[in-house]
Amino acid sequence: MAVARARGFTLIELLVVFAILATLLSLAVPRYFSSVERSKETVLKQNLATLRNALDQFHGDTGKYPESIDDLVKKRYLRAVPLDPMTERTDTWVAQPPPADSGLAGVYDVRSGAEGKAADGTDYASW
């Protein structure tokens, strides 16, 4: 009478497969997270460019700067205040006033309210 052998994987085979998967994940995961950070930085740069362009258009049309970033939406220079991808909020933008010697008031420039440094070593708040 022949003994039926159970089919399946041995513990050693499973450990080898898990070791291979762990090695592959240890290579892939850091690259994934660095690409996510780079994409957030790219979106931040684009959103800052969009806000600055709207500020310039507002100033060109009216001869003054808006009192707040929300005025750009109210006057339809923007559909909505862009999201700061680093803080994932729309209310963390930091409005910068015009130079003191210009005699103007309002929002002259915007900066990110995000803390931390970019991949190039600069602060997000200095962009």
C-alpha atoms as a PDB file:
ATOM      1  CA  MET A   1       0.000   0.000   0.000  1.00  0.00           C
ATOM      2  CA  ALA A   2       1.436   3.364  -1.057  1.00  0.00           C
ATOM      3  CA  VAL A   3       1.482   6.279   1.337  1.00  0.00           C
ATOM      4  CA  ALA A   4      -0.141   9.417  -0.102  1.00  0.00           C
ATOM      5  CA  ARG A   5       2.144  12.404   0.101  1.00  0.00           C
ATOM      6  CA  ALA A   6       0.582  15.738   1.061  1.00  0.00           C
ATOM      7  CA  ARG A   7       0.967  18.449  -1.532  1.00  0.00           C
ATOM      8  CA  GLY A   8       2.078  21.933  -0.570  1.00  0.00           C
ATOM      9  CA  PHE A   9       5.103  24.076   0.119  1.00  0.00           C
ATOM     10  CA  THR A  10       7.662  23.356   2.743  1.00  0.00           C
ATOM     11  CA  LEU A  11       8.558  25.928   5.362  1.00  0.00           C
ATOM     12  CA  ILE A  12      11.957  26.472   3.728  1.00  0.00           C
ATOM     13  CA  GLU A  13      10.380  27.232   0.354  1.00  0.00           C
ATOM     14  CA  LEU A  14       8.032  29.759   1.923  1.00  0.00           C
ATOM     15  CA  LEU A  15      10.881  31.440   3.808  1.00  0.00           C
ATOM     16  CA  VAL A  16      12.915  31.748   0.606  1.00  0.00           C
ATOM     17  CA  VAL A  17       9.948  33.355  -1.206  1.00  0.00           C
ATOM     18  CA  PHE A  18       9.360  35.796   1.663  1.00  0.00           C
ATOM     19  CA  ALA A  19      13.062  36.690   1.734  1.00  0.00           C
ATOM     20  CA  ILE A  20      12.992  37.462  -1.993  1.00  0.00           C
ATOM     21  CA  LEU A  21       9.843  39.589  -1.578  1.00  0.00           C
ATOM     22  CA  ALA A  22      11.361  41.472   1.352  1.00  0.00           C
ATOM     23  CA  THR A  23      14.482  42.217  -0.686  1.00  0.00           C
ATOM     24  CA  LEU A  24      12.456  43.504  -3.624  1.00  0.00           C
ATOM     25  CA  LEU A  25      10.278  45.656  -1.375  1.00  0.00           C
ATOM     26  CA  SER A  26      13.297  47.120   0.395  1.00  0.00           C
ATOM     27  CA  LEU A  27      14.498  48.331  -3.005  1.00  0.00           C
ATOM     28  CA  ALA A  28      11.157  49.580  -4.331  1.00  0.00           C
ATOM     29  CA  VAL A  29       9.572  51.321  -1.325  1.00  0.00           C
ATOM     30  CA  PRO A  30      12.214  54.057  -0.819  1.00  0.00           C
ATOM     31  CA  ARG A  31      12.055  54.923  -4.510  1.00  0.00           C
ATOM     32  CA  TYR A  32       8.281  55.143  -4.328  1.00  0.00           C
ATOM     33  CA  PHE A  33       8.280  57.540  -1.381  1.00  0.00           C
ATOM     34  CA  SER A  34      10.969  59.754  -2.893  1.00  0.00           C
ATOM     35  CA  SER A  35       8.953  59.972  -6.110  1.00  0.00           C
ATOM     36  CA  VAL A  36       5.865  60.978  -4.114  1.00  0.00           C
ATOM     37  CA  GLU A  37       7.837  63.788  -2.436  1.00  0.00           C
ATOM     38  CA  ARG A  38       9.227  64.966  -5.781  1.00  0.00           C
ATOM     39  CA  SER A  39       5.740  65.043  -7.276  1.00  0.00           C
ATOM     40  CA  LYS A  40       4.438  67.082  -4.315  1.00  0.00           C
ATOM     41  CA  GLU A  41       7.278  69.555  -4.804  1.00  0.00           C
ATOM     42  CA  THR A  42       6.422  69.856  -8.493  1.00  0.00           C
ATOM     43  CA  VAL A  43       2.760  70.503  -7.684  1.00  0.00           C
ATOM     44  CA  LEU A  44       3.785  73.103  -5.090  1.00  0.00           C
ATOM     45  CA  LYS A  45       5.913  74.943  -7.651  1.00  0.00           C
ATOM     46  CA  GLN A  46       3.059  74.878 -10.171  1.00  0.00           C
ATOM     47  CA  ASN A  47       0.488  76.099  -7.645  1.00  0.00           C
ATOM     48  CA  LEU A  48       2.781  78.941  -6.578  1.00  0.00           C
ATOM     49  CA  ALA A  49       3.243  79.909 -10.236  1.00  0.00           C
ATOM     50  CA  THR A  50      -0.543  79.882 -10.729  1.00  0.00           C
ATOM     51  CA  LEU A  51      -1.121  82.096  -7.685  1.00  0.00           C
ATOM     52  CA  ARG A  52       1.627  84.508  -8.701  1.00  0.00           C
ATOM     53  CA  ASN A  53       0.276  84.724 -12.236  1.00  0.00           C
ATOM     54  CA  ALA A  54      -3.207  85.517 -10.894  1.00  0.00           C
ATOM     55  CA  LEU A  55      -1.721  88.214  -8.617  1.00  0.00           C
ATOM     56  CA  ASP A  56       0.072  89.771 -11.584  1.00  0.00           C
ATOM     57  CA  GLN A  57      -3.095  89.712 -13.704  1.00  0.00           C
ATOM     58  CA  PHE A  58      -5.113  91.274 -10.868  1.00  0.00           C
ATOM     59  CA  HIS A  59      -2.524  94.023 -10.471  1.00  0.00           C
ATOM     60  CA  GLY A  60      -2.380  94.590 -14.225  1.00  0.00           C
ATOM     61  CA  ASP A  61      -6.151  94.932 -14.449  1.00  0.00           C
ATOM     62  CA  THR A  62      -6.822  96.993 -11.328  1.00  0.00           C
ATOM     63  CA  GLY A  63      -3.539  98.772 -10.581  1.00  0.00           C
ATOM     64  CA  LYS A  64      -3.539  97.398  -7.032  1.00  0.00           C
ATOM     65  CA  TYR A  65      -3.002  94.094  -5.301  1.00  0.00           C
ATOM     66  CA  PRO A  66      -5.849  92.059  -3.775  1.00  0.00           C
ATOM     67  CA  GLU A  67      -6.501  92.368  -0.049  1.00  0.00           C
ATOM     68  CA  SER A  68      -6.456  88.590   0.341  1.00  0.00           C
ATOM     69  CA  ILE A  69      -5.928  85.462  -1.703  1.00  0.00           C
ATOM     70  CA  ASP A  70      -9.670  84.827  -1.542  1.00  0.00           C
ATOM     71  CA  ASP A  71     -10.217  88.039  -3.535  1.00  0.00           C
ATOM     72  CA  LEU A  72      -8.631  86.277  -6.506  1.00  0.00           C
ATOM     73  CA  VAL A  73     -11.428  83.711  -6.356  1.00  0.00           C
ATOM     74  CA  LYS A  74     -14.171  86.293  -5.762  1.00  0.00           C
ATOM     75  CA  LYS A  75     -13.033  88.309  -8.798  1.00  0.00           C
ATOM     76  CA  ARG A  76     -12.662  85.111 -10.857  1.00  0.00           C
ATOM     77  CA  TYR A  77      -8.923  85.224 -11.392  1.00  0.00           C
ATOM     78  CA  LEU A  78      -8.888  81.718  -9.925  1.00  0.00           C
ATOM     79  CA  ARG A  79     -11.639  79.090  -9.769  1.00  0.00           C
ATOM     80  CA  ALA A  80     -10.505  78.092  -6.284  1.00  0.00           C
ATOM     81  CA  VAL A  81      -7.541  78.659  -4.034  1.00  0.00           C
ATOM     82  CA  PRO A  82      -5.039  75.936  -4.950  1.00  0.00           C
ATOM     83  CA  LEU A  83      -4.114  73.259  -2.475  1.00  0.00           C
ATOM     84  CA  ASP A  84      -0.720  73.429  -0.809  1.00  0.00           C
ATOM     85  CA  PRO A  85       0.356  69.813  -1.423  1.00  0.00           C
ATOM     86  CA  MET A  86       2.764  69.797   1.504  1.00  0.00           C
ATOM     87  CA  THR A  87       0.156  70.784   4.090  1.00  0.00           C
ATOM     88  CA  GLU A  88      -2.783  69.405   2.082  1.00  0.00           C
ATOM     89  CA  ARG A  89      -4.760  72.541   2.907  1.00  0.00           C
ATOM     90  CA  THR A  90      -5.779  75.711   1.081  1.00  0.00           C
ATOM     91  CA  ASP A  91      -5.543  78.062   4.056  1.00  0.00           C
ATOM     92  CA  THR A  92      -1.834  77.740   4.790  1.00  0.00           C
ATOM     93  CA  TRP A  93      -0.573  80.043   2.051  1.00  0.00           C
ATOM     94  CA  VAL A  94       1.419  82.939   3.511  1.00  0.00           C
ATOM     95  CA  ALA A  95       0.601  86.279   1.888  1.00  0.00           C
ATOM     96  CA  GLN A  96       3.571  88.611   1.380  1.00  0.00           C
ATOM     97  CA  PRO A  97       3.023  92.399   1.284  1.00  0.00           C
ATOM     98  CA  PRO A  98       4.538  94.624  -1.400  1.00  0.00           C
ATOM     99  CA  PRO A  99       7.901  96.293  -0.736  1.00  0.00           C
ATOM    100  CA  ALA A 100       7.576  99.159   1.744  1.00  0.00           C
ATOM    101  CA  ASP A 101       8.890 101.749  -0.723  1.00  0.00           C
ATOM    102  CA  SER A 102       6.254 100.902  -3.359  1.00  0.00           C
ATOM    103  CA  GLY A 103       3.402 102.637  -1.548  1.00  0.00           C
ATOM    104  CA  LEU A 104       1.089  99.722  -2.355  1.00  0.00           C
ATOM    105  CA  ALA A 105      -0.856  97.418  -0.050  1.00  0.00           C
ATOM    106  CA  GLY A 106      -2.375  93.962  -0.374  1.00  0.00           C
ATOM    107  CA  VAL A 107      -1.003  90.573  -1.339  1.00  0.00           C
ATOM    108  CA  TYR A 108       2.122  91.046  -3.441  1.00  0.00           C
ATOM    109  CA  ASP A 109       3.415  87.482  -3.320  1.00  0.00           C
ATOM    110  CA  VAL A 110       2.606  84.125  -1.726  1.00  0.00           C
ATOM    111  CA  ARG A 111       4.715  81.490  -0.046  1.00  0.00           C
ATOM    112  CA  SER A 112       3.988  78.006   1.169  1.00  0.00           C
ATOM    113  CA  GLY A 113       3.131  77.636   4.833  1.00  0.00           C
ATOM    114  CA  ALA A 114       4.696  74.185   4.894  1.00  0.00           C
ATOM    115  CA  GLU A 115       7.484  73.383   7.288  1.00  0.00           C
ATOM    116  CA  GLY A 116      10.468  71.378   6.202  1.00  0.00           C
ATOM    117  CA  LYS A 117      13.003  71.302   3.450  1.00  0.00           C
ATOM    118  CA  ALA A 118      12.817  70.284  -0.172  1.00  0.00           C
ATOM    119  CA  ALA A 119      15.041  67.710  -1.827  1.00  0.00           C
ATOM    120  CA  ASP A 120      17.409  70.513  -2.874  1.00  0.00           C
ATOM    121  CA  GLY A 121      17.799  71.658   0.749  1.00  0.00           C
ATOM    122  CA  THR A 122      15.788  74.878   0.543  1.00  0.00           C
ATOM    123  CA  ASP A 123      12.874  75.596   2.864  1.00  0.00           C
ATOM    124  CA  TYR A 124       9.407  75.229   1.351  1.00  0.00           C
ATOM    125  CA  ALA A 125       8.517  78.548   2.970  1.00  0.00           C
ATOM    126  CA  SER A 126      11.194  80.321   0.902  1.00  0.00           C
ATOM    127  CA  TRP A 127       9.762  79.315  -2.472  1.00  0.00           C
END
